[in-house]
Every structure is written in C-alpha cells, then in structure tokens.
C-alpha cells in the first residue's frame, strides 16, 4: 500500500513523507502543494489503493466495511509549523496495517 500511495502522491506533485496506522485506520504525512485540493488527493488515494488491493488480493472482500475498503470519511489536519520529526515519530509508533 505504501508504494501505491507514493505513486498517487507523485501524480499530485506531492510527497508521502510517512505512512503507518492501526488495523482500522491509517496515518499519512503528505507534503503537497497549495494548488492541490485535499479532497481530490484523498479520493484518489482511496480509489487507486482500493482497485489495486482488490485486484491483487481478491480474498479481501470478506474483510470489507459494508462492501467498501475505505470509509467515506477522512480527517485531515495541517501541521505547518510543527516539527516534522515529532509528527513522524507519532506515525512511526502506530502499528503497520495488515
């Protein structure tokens, strides 16, 4: 999934800085240009990853959330001004999704 997210970010001229999460959610630290609408980036991340994972792992259907790989919602927050090392440490401390 990390590689999929990196490729999508490149399409948006963005950089995936950190990726990790829990069994039921993920954390992404993305550096993206101001011209990018965060909703478009998130929708692309979800859509592309869903297509790739369903194709590569057809057995994933049994684990889907009401037929969907991703929840329709997301939370995004700016971290401008916060030390990136602190944010990266927080994300690194999360469990890698299985």
N, C-alpha and C. Protein backbone atom coordinates (compact mmCIF):
# COMPACT_ATOMS: atom_id res chain seq x y z
N UNK A 1 0.82 -1.18 0.00
CA UNK A 1 0.00 0.00 0.00
C UNK A 1 0.87 1.25 0.00
N UNK A 2 2.00 1.18 0.67
CA UNK A 2 2.93 2.31 0.72
C UNK A 2 3.34 2.74 -0.69
N UNK A 3 3.67 1.78 -1.54
CA UNK A 3 4.08 2.10 -2.91
C UNK A 3 2.93 2.70 -3.72
N UNK A 4 1.74 2.20 -3.52
CA UNK A 4 0.57 2.74 -4.21
C UNK A 4 0.37 4.20 -3.82
N UNK A 5 0.43 4.47 -2.52
CA UNK A 5 0.26 5.84 -2.04
C UNK A 5 1.35 6.77 -2.56
N UNK A 6 2.57 6.27 -2.62
CA UNK A 6 3.67 7.09 -3.14
C UNK A 6 3.41 7.48 -4.59
N UNK A 7 2.95 6.53 -5.40
CA UNK A 7 2.69 6.80 -6.81
C UNK A 7 1.56 7.80 -6.98
N UNK A 8 0.50 7.66 -6.20
CA UNK A 8 -0.62 8.61 -6.28
C UNK A 8 -0.13 10.01 -5.90
N UNK A 9 0.66 10.10 -4.85
CA UNK A 9 1.18 11.40 -4.42
C UNK A 9 2.01 12.04 -5.53
N UNK A 10 2.82 11.27 -6.22
CA UNK A 10 3.62 11.81 -7.31
C UNK A 10 2.73 12.42 -8.40
N UNK A 11 1.59 11.79 -8.67
CA UNK A 11 0.65 12.33 -9.66
C UNK A 11 0.13 13.71 -9.27
N UNK A 12 0.13 13.99 -7.97
CA UNK A 12 -0.35 15.27 -7.46
C UNK A 12 0.82 16.21 -7.12
N UNK A 13 2.03 15.84 -7.54
CA UNK A 13 3.24 16.60 -7.22
C UNK A 13 3.40 16.74 -5.71
N UNK A 14 3.03 15.68 -5.01
CA UNK A 14 3.11 15.62 -3.56
C UNK A 14 4.11 14.55 -3.15
N UNK A 15 4.44 14.55 -1.87
CA UNK A 15 5.40 13.57 -1.34
C UNK A 15 4.81 12.88 -0.13
N UNK A 16 4.79 11.55 -0.16
CA UNK A 16 4.39 10.78 1.01
C UNK A 16 5.59 10.72 1.94
N UNK A 17 5.52 11.42 3.05
CA UNK A 17 6.64 11.53 3.98
C UNK A 17 6.65 10.36 4.96
N UNK A 18 5.46 9.98 5.45
CA UNK A 18 5.36 8.90 6.43
C UNK A 18 4.02 8.21 6.28
N UNK A 19 3.99 6.90 6.54
CA UNK A 19 2.77 6.09 6.44
C UNK A 19 2.81 5.01 7.50
N UNK A 20 1.72 4.89 8.26
CA UNK A 20 1.56 3.82 9.23
C UNK A 20 0.12 3.85 9.70
N UNK A 21 -0.23 3.04 10.65
CA UNK A 21 -1.60 3.07 11.14
C UNK A 21 -1.93 1.93 12.06
N UNK A 22 -3.20 1.65 12.16
CA UNK A 22 -3.73 0.59 13.00
C UNK A 22 -4.55 -0.35 12.11
N UNK A 23 -5.18 -1.34 12.71
CA UNK A 23 -5.98 -2.28 11.92
C UNK A 23 -7.18 -1.61 11.27
N UNK A 24 -7.69 -0.54 11.88
CA UNK A 24 -8.91 0.07 11.36
C UNK A 24 -8.73 1.49 10.84
N UNK A 25 -7.50 1.99 10.77
CA UNK A 25 -7.25 3.31 10.19
C UNK A 25 -5.78 3.48 9.88
N UNK A 26 -5.48 4.48 9.07
CA UNK A 26 -4.08 4.75 8.73
C UNK A 26 -3.76 6.22 8.99
N UNK A 27 -2.47 6.49 9.09
CA UNK A 27 -1.97 7.86 9.22
C UNK A 27 -1.03 8.12 8.06
N UNK A 28 -1.23 9.23 7.38
CA UNK A 28 -0.35 9.63 6.29
C UNK A 28 0.16 11.03 6.58
N UNK A 29 1.44 11.24 6.39
CA UNK A 29 2.02 12.58 6.44
C UNK A 29 2.42 12.89 5.01
N UNK A 30 1.74 13.86 4.41
CA UNK A 30 1.94 14.18 2.99
C UNK A 30 2.29 15.65 2.86
N UNK A 31 3.32 15.91 2.10
CA UNK A 31 3.70 17.27 1.75
C UNK A 31 3.14 17.52 0.36
N UNK A 32 2.18 18.43 0.26
CA UNK A 32 1.53 18.66 -1.04
C UNK A 32 1.47 20.16 -1.33
N UNK A 33 1.48 20.51 -2.62
CA UNK A 33 1.46 21.94 -2.99
C UNK A 33 0.09 22.56 -2.71
N UNK A 34 0.06 23.87 -2.50
CA UNK A 34 -1.21 24.55 -2.18
C UNK A 34 -2.26 24.46 -3.29
N UNK A 35 -1.85 24.19 -4.51
CA UNK A 35 -2.83 24.09 -5.60
C UNK A 35 -3.65 22.81 -5.55
N UNK A 36 -3.25 21.85 -4.72
CA UNK A 36 -3.94 20.55 -4.63
C UNK A 36 -5.08 20.64 -3.63
N UNK A 37 -6.27 20.22 -4.06
CA UNK A 37 -7.41 20.11 -3.16
C UNK A 37 -7.26 18.81 -2.37
N UNK A 38 -7.23 18.91 -1.05
CA UNK A 38 -7.01 17.73 -0.22
C UNK A 38 -8.08 16.67 -0.47
N UNK A 39 -9.30 17.09 -0.75
CA UNK A 39 -10.37 16.11 -1.03
C UNK A 39 -10.06 15.29 -2.28
N UNK A 40 -9.50 15.93 -3.30
CA UNK A 40 -9.15 15.21 -4.53
C UNK A 40 -8.01 14.22 -4.28
N UNK A 41 -7.04 14.64 -3.50
CA UNK A 41 -5.92 13.77 -3.17
C UNK A 41 -6.40 12.56 -2.38
N UNK A 42 -7.21 12.78 -1.36
CA UNK A 42 -7.70 11.68 -0.53
C UNK A 42 -8.57 10.73 -1.36
N UNK A 43 -9.46 11.27 -2.18
CA UNK A 43 -10.30 10.41 -3.02
C UNK A 43 -9.47 9.56 -3.96
N UNK A 44 -8.41 10.13 -4.51
CA UNK A 44 -7.55 9.37 -5.40
C UNK A 44 -6.77 8.31 -4.63
N UNK A 45 -6.26 8.65 -3.46
CA UNK A 45 -5.54 7.68 -2.63
C UNK A 45 -6.45 6.48 -2.31
N UNK A 46 -7.68 6.76 -1.92
CA UNK A 46 -8.63 5.69 -1.58
C UNK A 46 -9.02 4.87 -2.81
N UNK A 47 -9.35 5.56 -3.90
CA UNK A 47 -9.82 4.86 -5.10
C UNK A 47 -8.76 3.98 -5.73
N UNK A 48 -7.57 4.54 -5.92
CA UNK A 48 -6.49 3.79 -6.56
C UNK A 48 -6.07 2.61 -5.69
N UNK A 49 -5.91 2.85 -4.38
CA UNK A 49 -5.49 1.76 -3.50
C UNK A 49 -6.55 0.66 -3.44
N UNK A 50 -7.82 1.04 -3.42
CA UNK A 50 -8.89 0.05 -3.40
C UNK A 50 -8.86 -0.83 -4.64
N UNK A 51 -8.72 -0.21 -5.80
CA UNK A 51 -8.66 -1.00 -7.06
C UNK A 51 -7.47 -1.96 -7.06
N UNK A 52 -6.30 -1.46 -6.67
CA UNK A 52 -5.10 -2.30 -6.68
C UNK A 52 -5.21 -3.45 -5.67
N UNK A 53 -5.67 -3.13 -4.47
CA UNK A 53 -5.74 -4.17 -3.44
C UNK A 53 -6.79 -5.22 -3.74
N UNK A 54 -7.93 -4.82 -4.29
CA UNK A 54 -8.97 -5.79 -4.65
C UNK A 54 -8.50 -6.72 -5.77
N UNK A 55 -7.73 -6.15 -6.70
CA UNK A 55 -7.21 -6.96 -7.81
C UNK A 55 -6.13 -7.92 -7.31
N UNK A 56 -5.23 -7.40 -6.48
CA UNK A 56 -4.10 -8.21 -6.01
C UNK A 56 -4.51 -9.23 -4.95
N UNK A 57 -5.50 -8.87 -4.13
CA UNK A 57 -5.94 -9.74 -3.03
C UNK A 57 -7.45 -9.92 -3.07
N UNK A 58 -7.97 -10.75 -3.97
CA UNK A 58 -9.43 -10.91 -4.08
C UNK A 58 -10.09 -11.37 -2.78
N UNK A 59 -9.33 -12.04 -1.93
CA UNK A 59 -9.88 -12.53 -0.66
C UNK A 59 -10.21 -11.39 0.31
N UNK A 60 -9.79 -10.19 -0.02
CA UNK A 60 -10.05 -9.03 0.84
C UNK A 60 -11.54 -8.72 0.94
N UNK A 61 -12.33 -9.22 -0.01
CA UNK A 61 -13.78 -8.96 0.00
C UNK A 61 -14.42 -9.33 1.33
N UNK A 62 -13.93 -10.38 1.97
CA UNK A 62 -14.53 -10.83 3.23
C UNK A 62 -14.24 -9.87 4.38
N UNK A 63 -13.31 -8.95 4.20
CA UNK A 63 -12.94 -8.02 5.27
C UNK A 63 -13.44 -6.60 5.01
N UNK A 64 -14.20 -6.42 3.96
CA UNK A 64 -14.63 -5.07 3.59
C UNK A 64 -15.65 -4.49 4.56
N UNK A 65 -15.63 -3.18 4.66
CA UNK A 65 -16.52 -2.44 5.53
C UNK A 65 -17.76 -2.08 4.74
N UNK A 66 -18.85 -2.81 4.95
CA UNK A 66 -20.10 -2.62 4.21
C UNK A 66 -19.88 -2.56 2.70
N UNK A 67 -19.01 -3.45 2.20
CA UNK A 67 -18.74 -3.53 0.77
C UNK A 67 -17.65 -2.59 0.29
N UNK A 68 -17.15 -1.75 1.15
CA UNK A 68 -16.12 -0.79 0.76
C UNK A 68 -14.82 -1.04 1.52
N UNK A 69 -13.72 -0.82 0.84
CA UNK A 69 -12.43 -0.94 1.51
C UNK A 69 -12.22 0.21 2.48
N UNK A 70 -12.64 1.40 2.08
CA UNK A 70 -12.44 2.60 2.89
C UNK A 70 -13.76 3.19 3.34
N UNK A 71 -13.74 3.79 4.49
CA UNK A 71 -14.87 4.58 4.97
C UNK A 71 -15.00 5.80 4.05
N UNK A 72 -16.20 6.33 3.87
CA UNK A 72 -16.34 7.52 3.02
C UNK A 72 -15.77 8.78 3.68
N UNK A 73 -15.42 8.71 4.95
CA UNK A 73 -14.93 9.90 5.65
C UNK A 73 -13.40 9.87 5.77
N UNK A 74 -12.85 11.02 6.15
CA UNK A 74 -11.43 11.12 6.44
C UNK A 74 -11.21 12.33 7.33
N UNK A 75 -10.08 12.38 7.98
CA UNK A 75 -9.69 13.52 8.79
C UNK A 75 -8.37 14.04 8.25
N UNK A 76 -8.31 15.32 7.99
CA UNK A 76 -7.07 15.94 7.52
C UNK A 76 -6.78 17.14 8.40
N UNK A 77 -5.53 17.32 8.70
CA UNK A 77 -5.12 18.43 9.54
C UNK A 77 -3.79 18.97 9.04
N UNK A 78 -3.65 20.27 9.11
CA UNK A 78 -2.40 20.91 8.75
C UNK A 78 -1.41 20.77 9.90
N UNK A 79 -0.16 20.59 9.57
CA UNK A 79 0.85 20.53 10.63
C UNK A 79 1.94 21.56 10.37
N UNK A 80 1.61 22.58 9.59
CA UNK A 80 2.56 23.64 9.33
C UNK A 80 3.05 24.26 10.63
N UNK A 81 4.34 24.38 10.78
CA UNK A 81 4.93 24.95 11.98
C UNK A 81 5.30 23.91 13.02
N UNK A 82 4.65 22.76 13.00
CA UNK A 82 5.00 21.70 13.96
C UNK A 82 6.27 21.01 13.48
N UNK A 83 7.14 20.62 14.40
CA UNK A 83 8.36 19.90 13.98
C UNK A 83 8.00 18.58 13.29
N UNK A 84 8.45 18.41 12.06
CA UNK A 84 8.12 17.20 11.31
C UNK A 84 8.63 15.95 12.00
N UNK A 85 9.74 16.03 12.69
CA UNK A 85 10.28 14.85 13.38
C UNK A 85 9.31 14.34 14.43
N UNK A 86 8.64 15.24 15.14
CA UNK A 86 7.67 14.84 16.16
C UNK A 86 6.48 14.15 15.50
N UNK A 87 6.00 14.68 14.40
CA UNK A 87 4.87 14.08 13.69
C UNK A 87 5.26 12.73 13.12
N UNK A 88 6.47 12.63 12.54
CA UNK A 88 6.94 11.35 12.01
C UNK A 88 7.05 10.32 13.12
N UNK A 89 7.55 10.73 14.30
CA UNK A 89 7.66 9.79 15.42
C UNK A 89 6.29 9.26 15.83
N UNK A 90 5.30 10.15 15.87
CA UNK A 90 3.95 9.72 16.22
C UNK A 90 3.44 8.67 15.23
N UNK A 91 3.61 8.92 13.96
CA UNK A 91 3.13 7.99 12.94
C UNK A 91 3.92 6.68 13.00
N UNK A 92 5.22 6.76 13.20
CA UNK A 92 6.04 5.55 13.28
C UNK A 92 5.63 4.67 14.45
N UNK A 93 5.10 5.26 15.51
CA UNK A 93 4.71 4.50 16.70
C UNK A 93 3.41 3.75 16.50
N UNK A 94 2.67 4.03 15.43
CA UNK A 94 1.44 3.31 15.12
C UNK A 94 1.82 1.93 14.56
N UNK A 95 0.90 1.01 14.65
CA UNK A 95 1.13 -0.32 14.09
C UNK A 95 0.94 -0.26 12.59
N UNK A 96 1.71 -1.05 11.88
CA UNK A 96 1.54 -1.14 10.44
C UNK A 96 0.27 -1.91 10.13
N UNK A 97 -0.62 -1.37 9.26
CA UNK A 97 -1.86 -2.10 8.92
C UNK A 97 -1.55 -3.42 8.22
N UNK A 98 -2.37 -4.41 8.49
CA UNK A 98 -2.18 -5.74 7.89
C UNK A 98 -3.10 -5.92 6.73
